[in-house]
Amino acid sequence: MNKIIISALLNILSFIGFSQSNQSELIATKISQKMQDSLSLTENQKMQVFNINMHLSNQKDSARQQYSGSSLGFQIQKVVNMRDSLYHGILPYNKFLFYRQQKRNLITNN
């Protein structure tokens, strides 16, 4: 009986972990596809954007495990604030400027 309960709990926990990872991949894929469409990125640049977003997602997951409350919010914001500098390293200058302009428009129009 105990083995069945433990087995069921392990299955549930592994599904939750897989689901979170899968969700991160879906979001990173969506972001990289939208950026490829709007910025005419190459496949290599698209993959780099995907990798950046997966890296940031992993960093946020790590922060969620280590922090709570207002310190968690601060740590998540630190991770999110890294995004532009990471994009700047892979995007040509004109595409990075267009990305920043589009981002600013999204922020001010919402």
Protein backbone atom coordinates (compact mmCIF):
# COMPACT_ATOMS: atom_id res chain seq x y z
CA MET A 1 0.00 0.00 0.00
CA ASN A 2 2.78 2.45 0.95
CA LYS A 3 4.68 1.58 -2.23
CA ILE A 4 1.61 2.44 -4.31
CA ILE A 5 1.20 5.80 -2.58
CA ILE A 6 4.89 6.63 -2.92
CA SER A 7 4.85 5.58 -6.56
CA ALA A 8 1.79 7.75 -7.25
CA LEU A 9 3.41 10.75 -5.53
CA LEU A 10 6.61 10.33 -7.53
CA ASN A 11 4.61 10.14 -10.76
CA ILE A 12 2.72 13.32 -9.87
CA LEU A 13 5.92 15.17 -8.96
CA SER A 14 7.68 14.11 -12.14
CA PHE A 15 4.66 15.20 -14.19
CA ILE A 16 4.65 18.62 -12.49
CA GLY A 17 8.37 19.04 -13.20
CA PHE A 18 7.91 17.99 -16.82
CA SER A 19 4.92 20.30 -17.19
CA GLN A 20 6.87 23.32 -15.92
CA SER A 21 9.78 22.54 -18.22
CA ASN A 22 7.43 22.03 -21.13
CA GLN A 23 5.72 25.36 -20.37
CA SER A 24 9.09 27.14 -20.38
CA GLU A 25 9.92 25.62 -23.75
CA LEU A 26 6.56 26.68 -25.19
CA ILE A 27 7.05 30.25 -24.02
CA ALA A 28 10.65 30.39 -25.29
CA THR A 29 9.52 28.99 -28.64
CA LYS A 30 6.72 31.54 -28.92
CA ILE A 31 9.03 34.44 -28.09
CA SER A 32 11.73 33.32 -30.51
CA GLN A 33 9.18 32.79 -33.30
CA LYS A 34 7.60 36.22 -32.79
CA MET A 35 11.01 37.86 -32.75
CA GLN A 36 12.04 36.00 -35.89
CA ASP A 37 8.89 37.19 -37.64
CA SER A 38 9.11 40.82 -36.54
CA LEU A 39 12.89 41.22 -36.80
CA SER A 40 13.60 38.86 -39.72
CA LEU A 41 16.04 36.84 -37.62
CA THR A 42 18.13 34.04 -39.07
CA GLU A 43 17.59 30.51 -37.77
CA ASN A 44 20.79 30.85 -35.74
CA GLN A 45 19.61 34.10 -34.13
CA LYS A 46 16.21 32.54 -33.45
CA MET A 47 17.90 29.61 -31.70
CA GLN A 48 20.03 32.01 -29.66
CA VAL A 49 16.90 33.91 -28.57
CA PHE A 50 15.31 30.58 -27.61
CA ASN A 51 18.40 29.60 -25.59
CA ILE A 52 18.46 32.97 -23.82
CA ASN A 53 14.82 32.61 -22.82
CA MET A 54 15.36 29.06 -21.58
CA HIS A 55 18.36 30.27 -19.57
CA LEU A 56 16.28 33.07 -18.04
CA SER A 57 13.46 30.66 -17.26
CA ASN A 58 15.90 28.35 -15.48
CA GLN A 59 17.27 31.29 -13.52
CA LYS A 60 13.76 32.32 -12.46
CA ASP A 61 12.98 28.74 -11.41
CA SER A 62 16.14 28.70 -9.33
CA ALA A 63 15.17 31.99 -7.68
CA ARG A 64 11.72 30.60 -6.87
CA GLN A 65 13.37 27.72 -5.01
CA GLN A 66 15.73 29.96 -3.03
CA TYR A 67 13.65 33.06 -2.21
CA SER A 68 10.17 34.07 -1.15
CA GLY A 69 8.15 37.24 -0.61
CA SER A 70 9.55 40.57 -1.72
CA SER A 71 13.07 39.17 -2.09
CA LEU A 72 11.69 36.68 -4.64
CA GLY A 73 10.15 39.53 -6.64
CA PHE A 74 13.45 41.40 -6.54
CA GLN A 75 15.41 38.34 -7.73
CA ILE A 76 12.94 37.62 -10.55
CA GLN A 77 13.16 41.25 -11.68
CA LYS A 78 16.97 41.01 -11.70
CA VAL A 79 16.73 38.02 -14.02
CA VAL A 80 14.19 39.71 -16.30
CA ASN A 81 16.34 42.85 -16.49
CA MET A 82 19.16 40.76 -18.00
CA ARG A 83 17.09 40.01 -21.12
CA ASP A 84 17.92 43.15 -23.09
CA SER A 85 21.65 42.94 -22.47
CA LEU A 86 21.64 39.30 -23.59
CA TYR A 87 19.64 40.16 -26.72
CA HIS A 88 22.01 43.05 -27.41
CA GLY A 89 24.87 40.56 -27.62
CA ILE A 90 23.26 38.52 -30.40
CA LEU A 91 21.17 40.99 -32.42
CA PRO A 92 22.58 43.41 -34.98
CA TYR A 93 22.34 47.00 -33.75
CA ASN A 94 19.45 48.02 -36.02
CA LYS A 95 17.39 44.96 -35.05
CA PHE A 96 18.10 45.51 -31.37
CA LEU A 97 16.91 49.11 -31.65
CA PHE A 98 13.73 47.96 -33.39
CA TYR A 99 13.19 45.33 -30.66
CA ARG A 100 13.56 48.01 -27.96
CA GLN A 101 11.15 50.32 -29.78
CA GLN A 102 8.55 47.54 -30.10
CA LYS A 103 8.99 46.65 -26.44
CA ARG A 104 8.56 50.28 -25.39
CA ASN A 105 5.40 50.53 -27.51
CA LEU A 106 3.96 47.43 -25.85
CA ILE A 107 4.68 48.80 -22.40
CA THR A 108 3.27 52.28 -23.00
CA ASN A 109 0.16 51.05 -24.85
CA ASN A 110 -0.88 48.64 -22.08
